[in-house]
């Protein structure tokens, strides 16, 4: 799966705020994700994101 900065990923488990959607703000061996509910930032390994990803959508106007 090809991930890009600005993509929205839906993960398996929700964040404690209730949102399960995260915006990708950094791509590499680690991903930096921003919670779409509360804005909390986390760094997680690429392997964990690929394993727990349940959906991917690109923002409007982005290829």
N, C-alpha and C. Protein backbone atom coordinates (compact mmCIF):
# COMPACT_ATOMS: atom_id res chain seq x y z
N UNK A 1 0.85 -1.18 0.00
CA UNK A 1 0.00 0.00 0.00
C UNK A 1 0.89 1.24 0.00
N UNK A 2 0.54 2.22 -0.80
CA UNK A 2 1.33 3.45 -0.93
C UNK A 2 0.74 4.54 -0.04
N UNK A 3 1.53 5.01 0.92
CA UNK A 3 1.10 6.07 1.83
C UNK A 3 1.77 7.37 1.45
N UNK A 4 1.04 8.48 1.56
CA UNK A 4 1.58 9.80 1.28
C UNK A 4 1.20 10.75 2.41
N UNK A 5 1.97 11.82 2.53
CA UNK A 5 1.67 12.84 3.54
C UNK A 5 0.32 13.46 3.20
N UNK A 6 -0.52 13.60 4.22
CA UNK A 6 -1.84 14.18 4.04
C UNK A 6 -2.95 13.16 3.90
N UNK A 7 -2.59 11.88 3.68
CA UNK A 7 -3.60 10.82 3.59
C UNK A 7 -4.26 10.60 4.96
N UNK A 8 -5.49 10.13 4.93
CA UNK A 8 -6.22 9.79 6.15
C UNK A 8 -6.32 8.27 6.21
N UNK A 9 -5.82 7.68 7.30
CA UNK A 9 -5.91 6.24 7.48
C UNK A 9 -6.87 5.91 8.62
N UNK A 10 -7.63 4.85 8.43
CA UNK A 10 -8.52 4.37 9.48
C UNK A 10 -7.84 3.14 10.08
N UNK A 11 -7.59 3.19 11.38
CA UNK A 11 -6.90 2.09 12.05
C UNK A 11 -7.89 1.19 12.78
N UNK A 12 -7.41 0.00 13.10
CA UNK A 12 -8.21 -1.05 13.72
C UNK A 12 -8.82 -0.60 15.05
N UNK A 13 -7.98 -0.08 15.94
CA UNK A 13 -8.45 0.33 17.26
C UNK A 13 -8.62 1.85 17.32
N UNK A 14 -9.69 2.33 17.95
CA UNK A 14 -9.88 3.78 18.06
C UNK A 14 -8.97 4.39 19.13
N UNK A 15 -8.69 5.66 18.99
CA UNK A 15 -7.96 6.45 19.98
C UNK A 15 -8.90 6.65 21.18
N UNK A 16 -8.38 6.85 22.38
CA UNK A 16 -9.27 7.06 23.53
C UNK A 16 -10.28 8.20 23.37
N UNK A 17 -10.02 9.15 22.46
CA UNK A 17 -10.98 10.24 22.24
C UNK A 17 -12.19 9.75 21.44
N UNK A 18 -12.10 8.55 20.82
CA UNK A 18 -13.21 7.99 20.07
C UNK A 18 -12.99 7.94 18.56
N UNK A 19 -12.02 8.68 18.07
CA UNK A 19 -11.76 8.71 16.63
C UNK A 19 -10.82 7.56 16.23
N UNK A 20 -11.08 6.96 15.07
CA UNK A 20 -10.17 5.92 14.58
C UNK A 20 -9.50 6.36 13.27
N UNK A 21 -9.63 7.65 12.94
CA UNK A 21 -9.00 8.19 11.73
C UNK A 21 -7.80 9.05 12.11
N UNK A 22 -6.72 8.88 11.34
CA UNK A 22 -5.47 9.58 11.59
C UNK A 22 -4.96 10.19 10.29
N UNK A 23 -4.39 11.39 10.37
CA UNK A 23 -3.76 12.04 9.21
C UNK A 23 -2.27 11.75 9.26
N UNK A 24 -1.70 11.36 8.13
CA UNK A 24 -0.26 11.10 8.05
C UNK A 24 0.46 12.43 7.86
N UNK A 25 1.39 12.75 8.77
CA UNK A 25 2.15 14.00 8.66
C UNK A 25 3.63 13.74 8.36
N UNK A 26 4.08 12.48 8.48
CA UNK A 26 5.46 12.13 8.14
C UNK A 26 5.48 10.68 7.69
N UNK A 27 6.23 10.40 6.62
CA UNK A 27 6.33 9.05 6.08
C UNK A 27 7.80 8.65 6.05
N UNK A 28 8.07 7.41 6.41
CA UNK A 28 9.43 6.87 6.40
C UNK A 28 9.40 5.52 7.08
N UNK A 29 10.47 5.18 7.79
CA UNK A 29 10.47 3.94 8.57
C UNK A 29 9.47 4.05 9.71
N UNK A 30 9.28 5.26 10.21
CA UNK A 30 8.26 5.56 11.21
C UNK A 30 7.26 6.52 10.59
N UNK A 31 6.02 6.42 11.00
CA UNK A 31 4.99 7.36 10.56
C UNK A 31 4.66 8.28 11.72
N UNK A 32 4.43 9.55 11.40
CA UNK A 32 3.92 10.49 12.39
C UNK A 32 2.45 10.68 12.04
N UNK A 33 1.57 10.38 13.00
CA UNK A 33 0.14 10.44 12.77
C UNK A 33 -0.49 11.47 13.69
N UNK A 34 -1.49 12.17 13.16
CA UNK A 34 -2.24 13.17 13.92
C UNK A 34 -3.68 12.69 14.02
N UNK A 35 -4.18 12.56 15.24
CA UNK A 35 -5.56 12.12 15.46
C UNK A 35 -6.52 13.16 14.90
N UNK A 36 -7.50 12.70 14.12
CA UNK A 36 -8.48 13.61 13.51
C UNK A 36 -9.51 14.09 14.53
N UNK A 37 -9.58 13.43 15.68
CA UNK A 37 -10.53 13.82 16.72
C UNK A 37 -9.99 14.90 17.63
N UNK A 38 -8.82 14.64 18.25
CA UNK A 38 -8.31 15.56 19.27
C UNK A 38 -7.00 16.25 18.88
N UNK A 39 -6.36 15.81 17.78
CA UNK A 39 -5.12 16.45 17.34
C UNK A 39 -3.86 15.90 17.97
N UNK A 40 -3.96 14.83 18.75
CA UNK A 40 -2.81 14.22 19.39
C UNK A 40 -1.85 13.66 18.34
N UNK A 41 -0.54 13.87 18.51
CA UNK A 41 0.48 13.39 17.58
C UNK A 41 1.20 12.18 18.15
N UNK A 42 1.39 11.15 17.32
CA UNK A 42 2.13 9.97 17.74
C UNK A 42 3.09 9.55 16.63
N UNK A 43 4.14 8.85 17.01
CA UNK A 43 5.07 8.25 16.05
C UNK A 43 4.93 6.73 16.20
N UNK A 44 4.70 6.04 15.09
CA UNK A 44 4.56 4.59 15.12
C UNK A 44 5.36 3.99 13.96
N UNK A 45 5.86 2.77 14.15
CA UNK A 45 6.60 2.11 13.06
C UNK A 45 5.71 1.83 11.85
N UNK A 46 6.29 1.89 10.67
CA UNK A 46 5.57 1.64 9.42
C UNK A 46 4.86 0.28 9.45
N UNK A 47 5.54 -0.72 9.95
CA UNK A 47 5.00 -2.07 9.99
C UNK A 47 3.68 -2.13 10.77
N UNK A 48 3.60 -1.39 11.87
CA UNK A 48 2.39 -1.36 12.70
C UNK A 48 1.23 -0.70 11.97
N UNK A 49 1.51 0.38 11.24
CA UNK A 49 0.46 1.07 10.48
C UNK A 49 -0.05 0.17 9.35
N UNK A 50 0.88 -0.48 8.63
CA UNK A 50 0.48 -1.37 7.54
C UNK A 50 -0.37 -2.53 8.04
N UNK A 51 -0.03 -3.05 9.21
CA UNK A 51 -0.75 -4.19 9.78
C UNK A 51 -2.15 -3.80 10.25
N UNK A 52 -2.29 -2.62 10.85
CA UNK A 52 -3.56 -2.22 11.48
C UNK A 52 -4.43 -1.30 10.62
N UNK A 53 -4.01 -1.01 9.40
CA UNK A 53 -4.76 -0.12 8.52
C UNK A 53 -6.03 -0.81 8.02
N UNK A 54 -7.18 -0.17 8.17
CA UNK A 54 -8.46 -0.71 7.73
C UNK A 54 -9.07 0.10 6.58
N UNK A 55 -8.41 1.19 6.22
CA UNK A 55 -8.90 2.01 5.12
C UNK A 55 -7.96 3.18 4.88
N UNK A 56 -7.95 3.67 3.65
CA UNK A 56 -7.10 4.79 3.27
C UNK A 56 -7.89 5.68 2.34
N UNK A 57 -7.87 6.98 2.62
CA UNK A 57 -8.51 7.92 1.70
C UNK A 57 -7.63 9.14 1.54
N UNK A 58 -7.69 9.68 0.34
CA UNK A 58 -6.90 10.87 0.03
C UNK A 58 -7.82 12.09 0.09
N UNK A 59 -7.32 13.21 0.59
CA UNK A 59 -8.14 14.43 0.64
C UNK A 59 -8.55 14.87 -0.76
N UNK A 60 -9.62 15.62 -0.86
CA UNK A 60 -10.12 16.13 -2.14
C UNK A 60 -9.04 16.92 -2.85
N UNK A 61 -8.93 16.74 -4.15
CA UNK A 61 -7.99 17.51 -4.96
C UNK A 61 -6.57 17.02 -4.93
N UNK A 62 -6.33 15.89 -4.29
CA UNK A 62 -4.98 15.35 -4.22
C UNK A 62 -4.94 14.04 -4.99
N UNK A 63 -3.90 13.85 -5.81
CA UNK A 63 -3.80 12.62 -6.63
C UNK A 63 -3.28 11.46 -5.83
